[in-house]
C-alpha atoms as a PDB file:
ATOM      1  CA  MET A   1      13.036   5.886 -10.877  1.00  0.00           C
ATOM      2  CA  SER A   2      11.012   2.582 -10.398  1.00  0.00           C
ATOM      3  CA  HIS A   3      11.967   0.898  -7.151  1.00  0.00           C
ATOM      4  CA  PHE A   4      10.520  -2.201  -8.368  1.00  0.00           C
ATOM      5  CA  GLY A   5      13.234  -3.672  -9.315  1.00  0.00           C
ATOM      6  CA  ARG A   6      16.016  -2.105  -6.377  1.00  0.00           C
ATOM      7  CA  ALA A   7      18.198  -4.270  -4.207  1.00  0.00           C
ATOM      8  CA  GLY A   8      17.527  -2.835  -1.150  1.00  0.00           C
ATOM      9  CA  PRO A   9      14.836  -0.742   0.347  1.00  0.00           C
ATOM     10  CA  PRO A  10      13.120   2.507  -1.487  1.00  0.00           C
ATOM     11  CA  ASP A  11      14.320   5.495  -0.567  1.00  0.00           C
ATOM     12  CA  ILE A  12      10.983   6.047   2.175  1.00  0.00           C
ATOM     13  CA  ARG A  13      12.039   9.494   2.745  1.00  0.00           C
ATOM     14  CA  ASP A  14       9.226  12.188   2.440  1.00  0.00           C
ATOM     15  CA  THR A  15       7.054   9.569   1.020  1.00  0.00           C
ATOM     16  CA  TYR A  16       2.978   8.532   2.410  1.00  0.00           C
ATOM     17  CA  SER A  17       2.339   5.659   2.952  1.00  0.00           C
ATOM     18  CA  LEU A  18      -1.127   3.879   3.565  1.00  0.00           C
ATOM     19  CA  LEU A  19      -2.025  -0.248   5.008  1.00  0.00           C
ATOM     20  CA  VAL A  20      -4.181  -1.510   3.065  1.00  0.00           C
ATOM     21  CA  LEU A  21      -6.537  -3.757   5.349  1.00  0.00           C
ATOM     22  CA  ASN A  22      -8.444  -7.153   4.504  1.00  0.00           C
ATOM     23  CA  ILE A  23      -6.591  -8.226   1.560  1.00  0.00           C
ATOM     24  CA  THR A  24      -6.776 -12.056   0.051  1.00  0.00           C
ATOM     25  CA  PHE A  25      -4.270 -13.842   0.742  1.00  0.00           C
ATOM     26  CA  ARG A  26      -3.718 -14.550  -3.291  1.00  0.00           C
ATOM     27  CA  THR A  27      -4.028 -10.796  -3.473  1.00  0.00           C
ATOM     28  CA  THR A  28      -0.267  -9.607  -4.652  1.00  0.00           C
ATOM     29  CA  ALA A  29       1.212  -6.158  -5.146  1.00  0.00           C
ATOM     30  CA  ASP A  30       0.984  -6.971  -9.053  1.00  0.00           C
ATOM     31  CA  ASP A  31      -2.415  -6.745  -8.745  1.00  0.00           C
ATOM     32  CA  LEU A  32      -2.987  -3.435  -5.669  1.00  0.00           C
ATOM     33  CA  TYR A  33      -0.920  -1.672  -8.707  1.00  0.00           C
ATOM     34  CA  PRO A  34      -3.045  -0.549 -10.901  1.00  0.00           C
ATOM     35  CA  LEU A  35      -5.382   0.433  -8.368  1.00  0.00           C
ATOM     36  CA  PHE A  36      -3.345   2.399  -6.078  1.00  0.00           C
ATOM     37  CA  ASP A  37      -1.171   3.818  -9.360  1.00  0.00           C
ATOM     38  CA  ARG A  38      -4.804   5.126 -11.141  1.00  0.00           C
ATOM     39  CA  TYR A  39      -4.275   7.944  -7.854  1.00  0.00           C
ATOM     40  CA  GLY A  40      -0.832   8.965  -8.048  1.00  0.00           C
ATOM     41  CA  LYS A  41       2.404   7.495  -7.850  1.00  0.00           C
ATOM     42  CA  VAL A  42       3.285   4.459  -6.858  1.00  0.00           C
ATOM     43  CA  VAL A  43       6.334   4.674  -5.141  1.00  0.00           C
ATOM     44  CA  ASP A  44       6.358   0.978  -3.717  1.00  0.00           C
ATOM     45  CA  ILE A  45       4.146  -1.837  -2.515  1.00  0.00           C
ATOM     46  CA  PHE A  46       5.136  -3.730   0.579  1.00  0.00           C
ATOM     47  CA  ILE A  47       2.534  -7.479   1.467  1.00  0.00           C
ATOM     48  CA  PRO A  48       4.038  -8.861   4.722  1.00  0.00           C
ATOM     49  CA  ARG A  49       4.629 -12.216   4.654  1.00  0.00           C
ATOM     50  CA  ASP A  50       4.220 -15.208   8.062  1.00  0.00           C
ATOM     51  CA  ARG A  51       8.071 -15.822   8.714  1.00  0.00           C
ATOM     52  CA  ARG A  52       6.522 -19.349   9.036  1.00  0.00           C
ATOM     53  CA  SER A  53       4.337 -20.148   6.607  1.00  0.00           C
ATOM     54  CA  GLY A  54       5.460 -17.972   3.779  1.00  0.00           C
ATOM     55  CA  GLU A  55       1.529 -17.537   3.295  1.00  0.00           C
ATOM     56  CA  SER A  56       0.276 -13.659   2.972  1.00  0.00           C
ATOM     57  CA  ARG A  57      -0.751 -11.587   6.501  1.00  0.00           C
ATOM     58  CA  GLY A  58      -3.530 -10.475   4.683  1.00  0.00           C
ATOM     59  CA  PHE A  59      -2.454  -6.455   4.368  1.00  0.00           C
ATOM     60  CA  ALA A  60      -0.251  -4.558   2.727  1.00  0.00           C
ATOM     61  CA  PHE A  61       1.807  -0.824   2.173  1.00  0.00           C
ATOM     62  CA  VAL A  62       1.200   1.670  -0.703  1.00  0.00           C
ATOM     63  CA  ARG A  63       3.188   4.397  -0.313  1.00  0.00           C
ATOM     64  CA  TYR A  64       3.272   6.915  -2.537  1.00  0.00           C
ATOM     65  CA  LYS A  65       5.526  10.363  -3.332  1.00  0.00           C
ATOM     66  CA  HIS A  66       2.413  12.537  -2.928  1.00  0.00           C
ATOM     67  CA  VAL A  67      -0.140  12.807   0.452  1.00  0.00           C
ATOM     68  CA  ASP A  68      -2.690  14.459  -2.440  1.00  0.00           C
ATOM     69  CA  GLU A  69      -2.395  11.057  -4.530  1.00  0.00           C
ATOM     70  CA  ALA A  70      -2.588   8.994  -1.432  1.00  0.00           C
ATOM     71  CA  GLN A  71      -5.173  11.113   0.458  1.00  0.00           C
ATOM     72  CA  LYS A  72      -7.156  10.841  -2.952  1.00  0.00           C
ATOM     73  CA  ALA A  73      -6.335   6.533  -3.098  1.00  0.00           C
ATOM     74  CA  ILE A  74      -8.019   6.099   0.661  1.00  0.00           C
ATOM     75  CA  ASP A  75     -11.272   8.874  -0.416  1.00  0.00           C
ATOM     76  CA  ARG A  76     -11.967   6.267  -3.325  1.00  0.00           C
ATOM     77  CA  LEU A  77     -10.542   3.065  -2.783  1.00  0.00           C
ATOM     78  CA  ASP A  78     -11.464   2.370   1.283  1.00  0.00           C
ATOM     79  CA  GLY A  79     -14.608   0.422   1.394  1.00  0.00           C
ATOM     80  CA  MET A  80     -13.542  -1.378  -2.689  1.00  0.00           C
ATOM     81  CA  THR A  81     -14.467  -5.208  -2.717  1.00  0.00           C
ATOM     82  CA  ILE A  82     -11.460  -6.752  -4.386  1.00  0.00           C
ATOM     83  CA  ASP A  83     -11.162 -10.567  -4.749  1.00  0.00           C
ATOM     84  CA  GLY A  84     -14.882 -10.318  -2.596  1.00  0.00           C
ATOM     85  CA  ARG A  85     -13.146  -9.123  -0.095  1.00  0.00           C
ATOM     86  CA  GLN A  86     -14.606  -5.452   1.735  1.00  0.00           C
ATOM     87  CA  ILE A  87     -10.594  -3.476   1.590  1.00  0.00           C
ATOM     88  CA  ALA A  88     -10.110  -1.120   4.653  1.00  0.00           C
ATOM     89  CA  VAL A  89      -7.641   1.462   3.161  1.00  0.00           C
ATOM     90  CA  GLN A  90      -5.662   4.993   5.609  1.00  0.00           C
ATOM     91  CA  PHE A  91      -2.916   5.965   6.979  1.00  0.00           C
ATOM     92  CA  ALA A  92      -0.100   4.019   8.010  1.00  0.00           C
ATOM     93  CA  LYS A  93       0.289   4.853  12.409  1.00  0.00           C
ATOM     94  CA  TYR A  94       4.204   5.008  11.402  1.00  0.00           C
ATOM     95  CA  GLY A  95       7.100   7.222  10.188  1.00  0.00           C
ATOM     96  CA  ARG A  96       6.487  10.235   8.813  1.00  0.00           C
ATOM     97  CA  ASN A  97       2.174  10.119   8.880  1.00  0.00           C
ATOM     98  CA  ASP A  98       1.549  11.058  12.154  1.00  0.00           C
ATOM     99  CA  GLU A  99       2.770  13.970  12.272  1.00  0.00           C
ATOM    100  CA  LYS A 100       0.295  14.313   9.277  1.00  0.00           C
ATOM    101  CA  MET A 101      -3.393  13.185  10.831  1.00  0.00           C
END
């Protein structure tokens, strides 16, 4: 079941969130999805925006259902160049991931 078109936040219990740093301001969830989806089931992609300008803040959260898929995405995508920028991919430091570190 896809959470992309659903109203309200996705159910994030028992999911593993990755922090993707250094994306360009024009990079969208649609740009990131095919990259991350090849390593597992992507539950959600969230790109925080500046409240005043509406611009991307230059980072994203990609959420996976399984920790091994999230780890594989880190192994393959950390340091990759997207839109001319070298991205960093790591486990997000909040929620359930803290106990997995």
